C-alpha atoms as a PDB file:
ATOM      1  CA  ALA A   1      -0.103  -0.047  -0.019  1.00  0.00           C
ATOM      2  CA  SER A   2       1.153   3.502  -0.834  1.00  0.00           C
ATOM      3  CA  GLN A   3       2.611   5.632   1.911  1.00  0.00           C
ATOM      4  CA  SER A   4      -0.888   8.155   1.992  1.00  0.00           C
ATOM      5  CA  CYS A   5      -3.240   5.055   2.134  1.00  0.00           C
ATOM      6  CA  ARG A   6      -1.065   4.131   5.442  1.00  0.00           C
ATOM      7  CA  PHE A   7      -1.702   7.516   6.665  1.00  0.00           C
ATOM      8  CA  LEU A   8      -5.712   7.022   6.238  1.00  0.00           C
ATOM      9  CA  ARG A   9      -5.655   3.533   7.720  1.00  0.00           C
ATOM     10  CA  GLY A  10      -3.413   4.490  10.578  1.00  0.00           C
ATOM     11  CA  ALA A  11      -6.049   7.851  11.440  1.00  0.00           C
ATOM     12  CA  GLY A  12      -8.908   5.523  12.451  1.00  0.00           C
ATOM     13  CA  ALA A  13     -12.201   7.344  12.981  1.00  0.00           C
ATOM     14  CA  GLY A  14     -10.297  10.572  12.821  1.00  0.00           C
ATOM     15  CA  ALA A  15      -9.972   9.798   9.166  1.00  0.00           C
ATOM     16  CA  LEU A  16     -13.553   9.503   8.941  1.00  0.00           C
ATOM     17  CA  VAL A  17     -14.585  12.066  10.528  1.00  0.00           C
ATOM     18  CA  GLY A  18     -12.226  14.450   8.189  1.00  0.00           C
ATOM     19  CA  ALA A  19     -13.210  12.118   5.236  1.00  0.00           C
ATOM     20  CA  VAL A  20     -16.887  12.672   5.689  1.00  0.00           C
ATOM     21  CA  PRO A  21     -17.136  16.644   4.983  1.00  0.00           C
ATOM     22  CA  LEU A  22     -14.513  16.257   2.405  1.00  0.00           C
ATOM     23  CA  ALA A  23     -16.912  13.705   0.646  1.00  0.00           C
ATOM     24  CA  ALA A  24     -19.182  16.180   1.039  1.00  0.00           C
ATOM     25  CA  LEU A  25     -17.084  18.791  -0.776  1.00  0.00           C
ATOM     26  CA  LEU A  26     -16.224  16.519  -3.266  1.00  0.00           C
ATOM     27  CA  VAL A  27     -19.730  16.501  -4.403  1.00  0.00           C
ATOM     28  CA  LEU A  28     -20.683  19.782  -4.325  1.00  0.00           C
ATOM     29  CA  ARG A  29     -18.101  20.648  -6.534  1.00  0.00           C
ATOM     30  CA  ALA A  30     -19.010  18.387  -8.902  1.00  0.00           C
ATOM     31  CA  VAL A  31     -22.467  19.872  -9.266  1.00  0.00           C
ATOM     32  CA  SER A  32     -22.277  23.201  -8.142  1.00  0.00           C
ATOM     33  CA  THR A  33     -20.679  25.846 -10.094  1.00  0.00           C
ATOM     34  CA  ALA A  34     -20.072  28.290  -7.274  1.00  0.00           C
ATOM     35  CA  VAL A  35     -18.224  25.507  -5.340  1.00  0.00           C
ATOM     36  CA  TYR A  36     -16.344  24.672  -8.240  1.00  0.00           C
ATOM     37  CA  LYS A  37     -15.109  28.038  -9.106  1.00  0.00           C
ATOM     38  CA  ARG A  38     -14.297  28.514  -5.498  1.00  0.00           C
ATOM     39  CA  PHE A  39     -11.997  25.022  -5.538  1.00  0.00           C
ATOM     40  CA  PRO A  40     -11.177  24.360  -8.731  1.00  0.00           C
ATOM     41  CA  THR A  41      -8.569  22.204  -8.412  1.00  0.00           C
ATOM     42  CA  THR A  42      -7.548  19.493  -5.370  1.00  0.00           C
ATOM     43  CA  ASP A  43      -4.561  22.222  -4.584  1.00  0.00           C
ATOM     44  CA  HIS A  44      -7.252  24.827  -3.620  1.00  0.00           C
ATOM     45  CA  LEU A  45      -8.637  22.402  -1.277  1.00  0.00           C
ATOM     46  CA  VAL A  46      -5.470  22.248   0.778  1.00  0.00           C
ATOM     47  CA  GLU A  47      -5.020  26.058   0.874  1.00  0.00           C
ATOM     48  CA  ALA A  48      -8.175  26.072   2.485  1.00  0.00           C
ATOM     49  CA  GLY A  49      -7.585  23.238   5.072  1.00  0.00           C
ATOM     50  CA  ALA A  50     -10.211  21.278   3.903  1.00  0.00           C
ATOM     51  CA  SER A  51      -7.888  18.666   2.958  1.00  0.00           C
ATOM     52  CA  LEU A  52      -4.482  17.479   3.413  1.00  0.00           C
ATOM     53  CA  PRO A  53      -2.000  16.713   0.897  1.00  0.00           C
ATOM     54  CA  PRO A  54      -1.984  13.075   0.865  1.00  0.00           C
ATOM     55  CA  CYS A  55      -5.584  12.785   0.554  1.00  0.00           C
ATOM     56  CA  CYS A  56      -5.514  14.812  -2.274  1.00  0.00           C
ATOM     57  CA  ASP A  57      -3.366  12.587  -3.789  1.00  0.00           C
ATOM     58  CA  LEU A  58      -5.244   9.764  -3.652  1.00  0.00           C
ATOM     59  CA  ILE A  59      -7.894  11.835  -5.251  1.00  0.00           C
ATOM     60  CA  ARG A  60      -5.851  12.993  -8.193  1.00  0.00           C
ATOM     61  CA  ALA A  61      -4.495   9.101  -8.866  1.00  0.00           C
ATOM     62  CA  ARG A  62      -8.440   8.343  -9.278  1.00  0.00           C
END
């Protein structure tokens, strides 16, 4: 497994608490032009504090 996957698995419940709002933000980004304009790339999610770089690496890889 990659280093970022180990990071997410090792965080346990904390990863879930952080992943749910991020998942909601990604869905909103897909359906709302206003949200997409605010967060056009995953780098913008990191800058805003909505995600961590290892999580964004996983998002980019898919």
